[in-house]
Amino acid sequence: MAEDSDLEKTESATPRRLQKAREEGQIVRSRELSTFALLAAGFFGVWGMSSSIGEHLQGMLRTAFTFNHATVFETRRMMIGAGVASREGLYTLLPVLAFTGAAALLSPLALGGWQLSSKGLEPKFNRLNPIEGLGKIFSINGPVQLGMSLAKTLVVGIIGGTAIWNRREEILALATQPLQLALVNSAHLIAVCCGMTVAGMFVVAAMDVPYQLWQFHKKLRMTKEEVKREHRESEGDPHVKGRIRQQQRAIARRRMMTNVPKADVVVTNPTHFAVALQYTDGEMRAPKVIAKGVNLVAARIREIAAENNVPLLEAPPLARALYHNVELNREIPGPLYGAVAEVLAWVYQLRRFNTEGGTVPVAPTDFDVPPELDKGGVADDEADQEAADVLNPVNPANDDASGRSA
């Protein structure tokens, strides 16, 4: 059952999937919306410029039907007159044509916007497959498109028929009216019927747009496995990322270990924590932490310090405070200046003893460490894991195991 659910396309398309579909030319389109926009632009364009169009058409017809007896039998003159009349008619209707052309170009922006893609022009021979064509015919999309066509015909037909039926007496009365009045009334009736037809197309477009949006997003739905795969491709495989982080921590810790021989002193817990301090008079404003660790890492720091004759000082509160409050290669905070100063004073005395002899300096034991900086003696699990990463070299077997456990 779990495998079946993973294969079902139940997840919404991710932004990356939507962008990829857009690049391939797959965007939301509604033919009914474009048809409505085209009809509405033509109707309102003609309605708004009806006076100007009427005047120009009257002048064109007057010129076309005015005959000169001297030139009426010249074919060349007739062709010139026809060309002039056609040109005048084009100039008259050019604003309306421009208006409808703009509507036809801009109406797709309402849903999918502009998208220029050459992939839509690439030949796809699977479209010639008759079996696949039959599948499209008998798919759910076929009956829906047929239903939309029938609904469009019914809606437009009913609205247009109702408009004509309600004005049937006015239409019949046109035959008894004078020519000028009949032309005006017929133009009014045509405008009303066209307006009702445009209103019917608006109803059809209002039904088609939600369906096209639903159909588009349904087509781009993804399975849970596809979502996971895309996440891995975009964000990176979590196993690989975990392996990289593990290697980075190991490299950083090994680099840290190379700084231990340069330390002036290593403050210990004595077993859980170890912090290596360095101070160069005249170059540093305050001592800084150049290495620190817990448990296994702390043991390794103490081992390297002993091998390089770096003094070790047991100061549990100070070691914990330094470990928890000071990052690597950062100077110690002001509240710890006094305690660290005592440690460095003991280090300088120890160096003098080693070179000149004398009385062995007594290691300090009582340190002024603010309670809020001492977070207790239990090591963090995360720090302990990082310590294990350092002491156990990274290898593919360990990485795979850590990835699986993650």
Protein backbone atom coordinates (compact mmCIF):
# COMPACT_ATOMS: atom_id res chain seq x y z
CA MET A 1 0.00 0.00 0.00
CA ALA A 2 2.86 2.38 0.79
CA GLU A 3 4.47 1.66 -2.58
CA ASP A 4 1.16 2.32 -4.36
CA SER A 5 0.77 5.66 -2.60
CA ASP A 6 4.27 6.65 -3.62
CA LEU A 7 3.40 5.98 -7.29
CA GLU A 8 0.18 8.00 -7.21
CA LYS A 9 0.45 11.63 -8.29
CA THR A 10 -1.01 13.19 -5.18
CA GLU A 11 1.47 16.03 -4.59
CA SER A 12 1.12 19.52 -6.04
CA ALA A 13 3.76 20.58 -8.55
CA THR A 14 6.82 22.19 -7.01
CA PRO A 15 8.03 25.63 -8.18
CA ARG A 16 10.86 23.93 -10.04
CA ARG A 17 8.42 21.62 -11.85
CA LEU A 18 6.24 24.58 -12.80
CA GLN A 19 9.26 26.50 -14.10
CA LYS A 20 10.41 23.50 -16.14
CA ALA A 21 6.95 23.09 -17.65
CA ARG A 22 6.92 26.79 -18.51
CA GLU A 23 10.28 26.49 -20.24
CA GLU A 24 8.83 23.63 -22.31
CA GLY A 25 5.93 25.82 -23.38
CA GLN A 26 3.34 24.28 -21.06
CA ILE A 27 1.27 27.13 -19.68
CA VAL A 28 -2.39 27.63 -18.88
CA ARG A 29 -4.49 28.57 -21.90
CA SER A 30 -8.24 29.07 -22.30
CA ARG A 31 -9.60 29.31 -25.83
CA GLU A 32 -12.95 30.46 -24.49
CA LEU A 33 -11.31 33.36 -22.66
CA SER A 34 -9.49 34.40 -25.84
CA THR A 35 -12.73 34.14 -27.83
CA PHE A 36 -14.58 36.26 -25.27
CA ALA A 37 -11.81 38.88 -25.24
CA LEU A 38 -11.82 39.05 -29.05
CA LEU A 39 -15.60 39.39 -29.31
CA ALA A 40 -15.77 41.92 -26.47
CA ALA A 41 -13.00 44.03 -28.00
CA GLY A 42 -14.69 44.00 -31.40
CA PHE A 43 -18.11 44.80 -29.98
CA PHE A 44 -17.03 47.66 -27.74
CA GLY A 45 -14.67 48.97 -30.42
CA VAL A 46 -17.43 49.18 -33.01
CA TRP A 47 -19.86 50.56 -30.44
CA GLY A 48 -17.46 53.24 -29.25
CA MET A 49 -16.52 54.37 -32.77
CA SER A 50 -19.90 53.79 -34.40
CA SER A 51 -20.39 57.45 -35.31
CA SER A 52 -17.02 57.75 -37.02
CA ILE A 53 -17.42 54.40 -38.77
CA GLY A 54 -20.90 55.35 -40.00
CA GLU A 55 -19.74 58.65 -41.46
CA HIS A 56 -16.81 57.06 -43.27
CA LEU A 57 -18.92 54.22 -44.65
CA GLN A 58 -21.56 56.65 -45.89
CA GLY A 59 -18.92 58.69 -47.68
CA MET A 60 -17.36 55.55 -49.16
CA LEU A 61 -20.71 54.28 -50.46
CA ARG A 62 -21.63 57.71 -51.84
CA THR A 63 -18.39 57.84 -53.76
CA ALA A 64 -18.70 54.26 -54.97
CA PHE A 65 -22.21 54.71 -56.33
CA THR A 66 -21.71 58.11 -57.93
CA PHE A 67 -21.25 57.56 -61.69
CA ASN A 68 -19.83 59.82 -64.35
CA HIS A 69 -21.21 59.11 -67.80
CA ALA A 70 -17.89 59.94 -69.42
CA THR A 71 -15.88 57.47 -67.36
CA VAL A 72 -18.41 54.79 -66.44
CA PHE A 73 -17.32 52.49 -69.26
CA GLU A 74 -13.57 52.77 -68.55
CA THR A 75 -12.40 49.59 -66.82
CA ARG A 76 -9.27 51.24 -65.48
CA ARG A 77 -11.32 53.89 -63.70
CA MET A 78 -13.54 51.24 -62.14
CA MET A 79 -10.54 49.36 -60.74
CA ILE A 80 -9.09 52.57 -59.34
CA GLY A 81 -12.41 53.36 -57.69
CA ALA A 82 -12.63 49.90 -56.19
CA GLY A 83 -9.10 50.26 -54.79
CA VAL A 84 -9.90 53.65 -53.27
CA ALA A 85 -13.08 52.28 -51.69
CA SER A 86 -11.22 49.28 -50.25
CA ARG A 87 -8.51 51.51 -48.83
CA GLU A 88 -11.06 53.83 -47.23
CA GLY A 89 -12.87 50.86 -45.72
CA LEU A 90 -9.60 49.53 -44.28
CA TYR A 91 -8.72 52.91 -42.80
CA THR A 92 -12.20 53.10 -41.29
CA LEU A 93 -11.99 49.69 -39.62
CA LEU A 94 -8.28 49.86 -38.76
CA PRO A 95 -8.82 51.12 -35.15
CA VAL A 96 -11.27 48.28 -34.50
CA LEU A 97 -8.89 45.74 -36.04
CA ALA A 98 -6.03 47.07 -33.92
CA PHE A 99 -8.21 46.88 -30.81
CA THR A 100 -9.23 43.27 -31.46
CA GLY A 101 -5.66 42.30 -32.38
CA ALA A 102 -4.38 43.70 -29.09
CA ALA A 103 -7.09 41.80 -27.21
CA ALA A 104 -6.12 38.56 -28.98
CA LEU A 105 -2.45 39.05 -28.04
CA LEU A 106 -3.00 40.22 -24.48
CA SER A 107 -5.77 37.84 -23.37
CA PRO A 108 -3.33 34.91 -22.77
CA LEU A 109 -1.51 37.12 -20.24
CA ALA A 110 -4.47 36.80 -17.90
CA LEU A 111 -3.60 33.15 -17.19
CA GLY A 112 -0.16 32.05 -18.30
CA GLY A 113 1.59 35.20 -19.45
CA TRP A 114 4.03 35.36 -22.33
CA GLN A 115 6.32 32.43 -22.95
CA LEU A 116 8.52 32.05 -26.00
CA SER A 117 9.72 28.47 -26.32
CA SER A 118 11.02 26.62 -29.36
CA LYS A 119 10.22 23.23 -27.80
CA GLY A 120 6.62 23.56 -28.86
CA LEU A 121 7.78 23.59 -32.49
CA GLU A 122 9.88 20.45 -32.18
CA PRO A 123 8.43 17.46 -34.07
CA LYS A 124 6.92 14.81 -31.84
CA PHE A 125 6.30 11.62 -33.77
CA ASN A 126 4.32 10.10 -30.92
CA ARG A 127 1.48 12.39 -31.96
CA LEU A 128 1.15 10.26 -35.09
CA ASN A 129 0.48 7.19 -32.97
CA PRO A 130 -3.18 6.21 -33.62
CA ILE A 131 -3.44 4.34 -30.33
CA GLU A 132 -2.36 7.40 -28.39
CA GLY A 133 -4.81 9.48 -30.40
CA LEU A 134 -7.65 7.13 -29.53
CA GLY A 135 -6.60 7.33 -25.89
CA LYS A 136 -7.00 11.11 -25.98
CA ILE A 137 -10.39 10.81 -27.66
CA PHE A 138 -11.74 8.43 -25.02
CA SER A 139 -10.00 10.14 -22.09
CA ILE A 140 -11.88 12.28 -19.61
CA ASN A 141 -10.66 15.40 -21.38
CA GLY A 142 -12.59 14.51 -24.56
CA PRO A 143 -16.06 14.42 -22.97
CA VAL A 144 -15.26 17.54 -20.98
CA GLN A 145 -14.27 19.45 -24.13
CA LEU A 146 -17.41 18.17 -25.86
CA GLY A 147 -19.47 19.29 -22.89
CA MET A 148 -17.85 22.73 -22.96
CA SER A 149 -18.61 23.06 -26.67
CA LEU A 150 -22.23 22.06 -26.13
CA ALA A 151 -22.49 24.41 -23.15
CA LYS A 152 -21.05 27.25 -25.20
CA THR A 153 -23.51 26.60 -28.01
CA LEU A 154 -26.45 26.35 -25.64
CA VAL A 155 -25.56 29.41 -23.57
CA VAL A 156 -24.84 31.64 -26.55
CA GLY A 157 -27.81 30.26 -28.48
CA ILE A 158 -30.24 30.66 -25.60
CA ILE A 159 -29.09 34.18 -24.74
CA GLY A 160 -29.03 35.30 -28.39
CA GLY A 161 -32.33 33.60 -29.16
CA THR A 162 -33.95 35.14 -26.09
CA ALA A 163 -32.74 38.60 -27.13
CA ILE A 164 -34.15 38.18 -30.63
CA TRP A 165 -37.45 36.69 -29.40
CA ASN A 166 -38.03 39.49 -26.92
CA ARG A 167 -37.57 42.05 -29.74
CA ARG A 168 -39.42 40.21 -32.46
CA GLU A 169 -42.06 42.94 -32.73
CA GLU A 170 -39.37 45.60 -33.19
CA ILE A 171 -37.70 43.48 -35.87
CA LEU A 172 -40.98 43.02 -37.78
CA ALA A 173 -41.72 46.73 -37.47
CA LEU A 174 -38.56 47.59 -39.40
CA ALA A 175 -40.32 46.75 -42.69
CA THR A 176 -42.91 49.52 -42.12
CA GLN A 177 -40.44 52.24 -41.05
CA PRO A 178 -38.75 54.84 -43.26
CA LEU A 179 -35.32 53.89 -44.54
CA GLN A 180 -33.33 56.26 -42.30
CA LEU A 181 -35.24 55.25 -39.14
CA ALA A 182 -35.10 51.56 -40.07
CA LEU A 183 -31.32 51.72 -40.43
CA VAL A 184 -30.93 53.34 -37.01
CA ASN A 185 -33.27 50.85 -35.31
CA SER A 186 -31.69 47.86 -37.02
CA ALA A 187 -28.24 49.00 -35.90
CA HIS A 188 -29.58 49.29 -32.36
CA LEU A 189 -31.07 45.79 -32.48
CA ILE A 190 -27.86 44.32 -33.88
CA ALA A 191 -25.87 46.00 -31.10
CA VAL A 192 -28.20 44.58 -28.43
CA CYS A 193 -28.00 41.05 -29.85
CA CYS A 194 -24.22 41.23 -30.15
CA GLY A 195 -23.94 42.52 -26.60
CA MET A 196 -26.04 39.64 -25.32
CA THR A 197 -23.85 37.21 -27.24
CA VAL A 198 -20.72 38.70 -25.66
CA ALA A 199 -22.37 38.32 -22.24
CA GLY A 200 -23.04 34.66 -23.05
CA MET A 201 -19.38 34.15 -23.99
CA PHE A 202 -18.42 35.70 -20.67
CA VAL A 203 -20.42 33.01 -18.89
CA VAL A 204 -18.70 30.29 -20.95
CA ALA A 205 -15.24 31.75 -20.26
CA ALA A 206 -16.04 31.96 -16.53
CA MET A 207 -16.73 28.21 -16.58
CA ASP A 208 -13.73 27.30 -18.75
CA VAL A 209 -10.99 29.23 -16.91
CA PRO A 210 -11.30 27.37 -13.56
CA TYR A 211 -11.41 24.06 -15.41
CA GLN A 212 -8.25 24.86 -17.41
CA LEU A 213 -6.42 25.89 -14.22
CA TRP A 214 -7.47 22.67 -12.49
CA GLN A 215 -6.56 20.55 -15.52
CA PHE A 216 -3.13 22.21 -15.85
CA HIS A 217 -2.16 21.68 -12.22
CA LYS A 218 -3.56 18.14 -12.25
CA LYS A 219 -1.40 17.32 -15.28
CA LEU A 220 1.71 18.55 -13.45
CA ARG A 221 1.05 16.68 -10.20
CA MET A 222 3.95 14.65 -8.87
CA THR A 223 4.40 11.48 -6.88
CA LYS A 224 5.99 11.60 -3.45
CA GLU A 225 9.06 9.90 -4.87
CA GLU A 226 9.41 12.58 -7.56
CA VAL A 227 9.18 15.31 -4.93
CA LYS A 228 11.87 13.61 -2.85
CA ARG A 229 14.09 13.13 -5.90
CA GLU A 230 13.72 16.76 -6.92
CA HIS A 231 14.51 17.87 -3.39
CA ARG A 232 17.67 15.77 -3.45
CA GLU A 233 18.68 17.21 -6.81
CA SER A 234 18.12 20.80 -5.75
CA GLU A 235 19.24 20.65 -2.12
CA GLY A 236 21.66 17.75 -2.37
CA ASP A 237 21.46 14.19 -1.12
CA PRO A 238 21.25 14.34 2.71
CA HIS A 239 23.62 11.34 2.96
CA VAL A 240 26.19 13.13 0.83
CA LYS A 241 25.70 16.40 2.69
CA GLY A 242 26.11 14.62 6.02
CA ARG A 243 29.28 12.95 4.77
CA ILE A 244 30.68 16.30 3.62
CA ARG A 245 29.90 17.93 6.96
CA GLN A 246 31.55 15.04 8.76
CA GLN A 247 34.69 15.39 6.65
CA GLN A 248 34.72 19.14 7.16
CA ARG A 249 34.52 18.71 10.92
CA ALA A 250 37.30 16.17 10.84
CA ILE A 251 39.54 18.43 8.76
CA ALA A 252 38.81 21.40 11.03
CA ARG A 253 39.61 19.37 14.14
CA ARG A 254 42.83 18.00 12.68
CA ARG A 255 43.86 21.54 11.76
CA MET A 256 43.04 22.55 15.31
CA MET A 257 45.30 19.82 16.67
CA THR A 258 48.28 21.31 14.81
CA ASN A 259 47.88 24.45 16.94
CA VAL A 260 48.20 22.66 20.26
CA PRO A 261 52.06 22.68 20.27
CA LYS A 262 51.91 26.48 19.89
CA ALA A 263 49.82 26.91 23.04
CA ASP A 264 51.17 28.47 26.24
CA VAL A 265 49.01 26.30 28.48
CA VAL A 266 46.22 23.71 28.33
CA VAL A 267 43.47 24.08 30.93
CA THR A 268 41.73 20.76 31.72
CA ASN A 269 38.69 19.49 33.61
CA PRO A 270 40.81 17.18 34.04
CA THR A 271 39.13 14.43 31.97
CA HIS A 272 36.11 15.84 30.14
CA PHE A 273 37.39 19.21 28.88
CA ALA A 274 40.66 20.59 27.55
CA VAL A 275 41.23 24.13 26.27
CA ALA A 276 44.53 25.37 24.80
CA LEU A 277 45.33 29.05 25.36
CA GLN A 278 47.87 31.25 23.59
CA TYR A 279 49.01 34.79 24.34
CA THR A 280 51.69 36.86 22.63
CA ASP A 281 52.51 40.10 24.40
CA GLY A 282 52.33 43.08 22.07
CA GLU A 283 50.49 41.19 19.32
CA MET A 284 47.26 40.16 21.06
CA ARG A 285 44.88 42.25 23.10
CA ALA A 286 43.91 39.22 25.20
CA PRO A 287 44.64 35.49 25.29
CA LYS A 288 42.73 33.43 22.74
CA VAL A 289 41.55 29.84 22.49
CA ILE A 290 43.42 27.96 19.75
CA ALA A 291 42.09 24.45 20.49
CA LYS A 292 39.37 22.90 22.61
CA GLY A 293 37.52 19.63 22.94
CA VAL A 294 35.68 17.19 25.15
CA ASN A 295 36.24 13.56 26.09
CA LEU A 296 38.24 11.90 23.30
CA VAL A 297 39.32 15.18 21.74
CA ALA A 298 40.31 16.50 25.16
CA ALA A 299 42.41 13.39 25.72
CA ARG A 300 44.11 13.91 22.36
CA ILE A 301 44.81 17.58 23.18
CA ARG A 302 46.38 16.59 26.51
CA GLU A 303 48.46 13.93 24.76
CA ILE A 304 49.81 16.36 22.14
CA ALA A 305 50.48 18.98 24.82
CA ALA A 306 52.48 16.48 26.88
CA GLU A 307 54.50 15.44 23.83
CA ASN A 308 55.43 19.09 23.15
CA ASN A 309 56.07 20.11 26.78
CA VAL A 310 53.03 22.40 26.95
CA PRO A 311 52.00 22.91 30.60
CA LEU A 312 48.76 21.26 31.74
CA LEU A 313 46.69 22.90 34.47
CA GLU A 314 43.69 21.30 36.15
CA ALA A 315 41.05 24.01 36.58
CA PRO A 316 37.57 22.45 36.05
CA PRO A 317 35.40 25.60 36.36
CA LEU A 318 37.70 27.63 34.12
CA ALA A 319 38.00 24.82 31.56
CA ARG A 320 34.22 24.48 31.33
CA ALA A 321 33.72 28.24 31.08
CA LEU A 322 36.31 28.59 28.32
CA TYR A 323 34.91 25.64 26.36
CA HIS A 324 31.28 26.78 26.45
CA ASN A 325 31.79 30.54 26.02
CA VAL A 326 34.75 31.03 23.69
CA GLU A 327 34.86 29.98 20.03
CA LEU A 328 38.04 28.77 18.35
CA ASN A 329 40.57 31.49 17.53
CA ARG A 330 38.60 34.03 19.58
CA GLU A 331 39.77 36.09 22.51
CA ILE A 332 38.51 35.26 25.97
CA PRO A 333 35.71 37.45 27.37
CA GLY A 334 36.35 40.14 29.94
CA PRO A 335 34.84 38.26 32.93
CA LEU A 336 37.56 35.58 32.54
CA TYR A 337 40.52 37.97 32.34
CA GLY A 338 41.38 37.63 36.04
CA ALA A 339 41.30 33.81 36.09
CA VAL A 340 43.33 33.49 32.86
CA ALA A 341 45.81 36.06 34.15
CA GLU A 342 46.51 33.82 37.14
CA VAL A 343 47.05 30.86 34.80
CA LEU A 344 49.50 32.79 32.60
CA ALA A 345 51.35 34.09 35.66
CA TRP A 346 51.84 30.48 36.77
CA VAL A 347 53.04 29.56 33.25
CA TYR A 348 55.66 32.34 33.25
CA GLN A 349 56.84 31.28 36.71
CA LEU A 350 57.10 27.68 35.48
CA ARG A 351 59.21 28.76 32.50
CA ARG A 352 61.54 30.69 34.76
CA PHE A 353 61.86 27.67 37.00
CA ASN A 354 62.73 25.44 34.05
CA THR A 355 65.46 27.80 32.85
CA GLU A 356 66.85 29.25 36.10
CA GLY A 357 65.79 26.74 38.72
CA GLY A 358 64.63 27.67 42.19
CA THR A 359 61.39 26.95 43.95
CA VAL A 360 58.72 25.05 42.04
CA PRO A 361 55.76 27.40 41.45
CA VAL A 362 52.52 26.32 43.04
CA ALA A 363 49.69 25.82 40.55
CA PRO A 364 46.66 28.03 41.26
CA THR A 365 43.52 26.23 42.38
CA ASP A 366 41.02 28.93 43.27
CA PHE A 367 39.72 30.83 40.21
CA ASP A 368 37.24 33.67 40.03
CA VAL A 369 34.84 32.26 37.39
CA PRO A 370 31.34 33.82 37.18
CA PRO A 371 28.68 31.15 37.89
CA GLU A 372 26.71 32.05 34.76
CA LEU A 373 29.71 31.09 32.59
CA ASP A 374 30.22 27.68 34.22
CA LYS A 375 27.60 25.39 32.61
CA GLY A 376 28.43 22.25 34.53
CA GLY A 377 30.63 19.30 33.90
CA VAL A 378 28.55 17.17 31.51
CA ALA A 379 29.83 17.15 27.95
CA ASP A 380 27.49 17.81 25.05
CA ASP A 381 26.52 14.81 22.95
CA GLU A 382 27.11 16.74 19.74
CA ALA A 383 30.59 17.76 20.82
CA ASP A 384 31.31 14.19 21.79
CA GLN A 385 30.25 13.02 18.33
CA GLU A 386 32.53 15.61 16.71
CA ALA A 387 35.35 14.35 18.86
CA ALA A 388 34.77 10.82 17.63
CA ASP A 389 34.85 12.11 14.04
CA VAL A 390 38.33 13.50 14.65
CA LEU A 391 39.88 10.49 16.27
CA ASN A 392 38.23 8.01 13.87
CA PRO A 393 39.36 8.80 10.30
CA VAL A 394 36.55 9.24 7.79
CA ASN A 395 36.08 6.29 5.48
CA PRO A 396 33.30 5.29 3.09
CA ALA A 397 32.02 2.53 5.34
CA ASN A 398 31.63 4.88 8.31
CA ASP A 399 30.04 7.52 6.09
CA ASP A 400 27.48 5.13 4.68
CA ALA A 401 26.64 3.95 8.16
CA SER A 402 26.25 7.50 9.42
CA GLY A 403 24.13 8.38 6.40
CA ARG A 404 21.81 5.44 7.02
CA SER A 405 21.51 6.28 10.67
CA ALA A 406 20.69 9.87 9.72
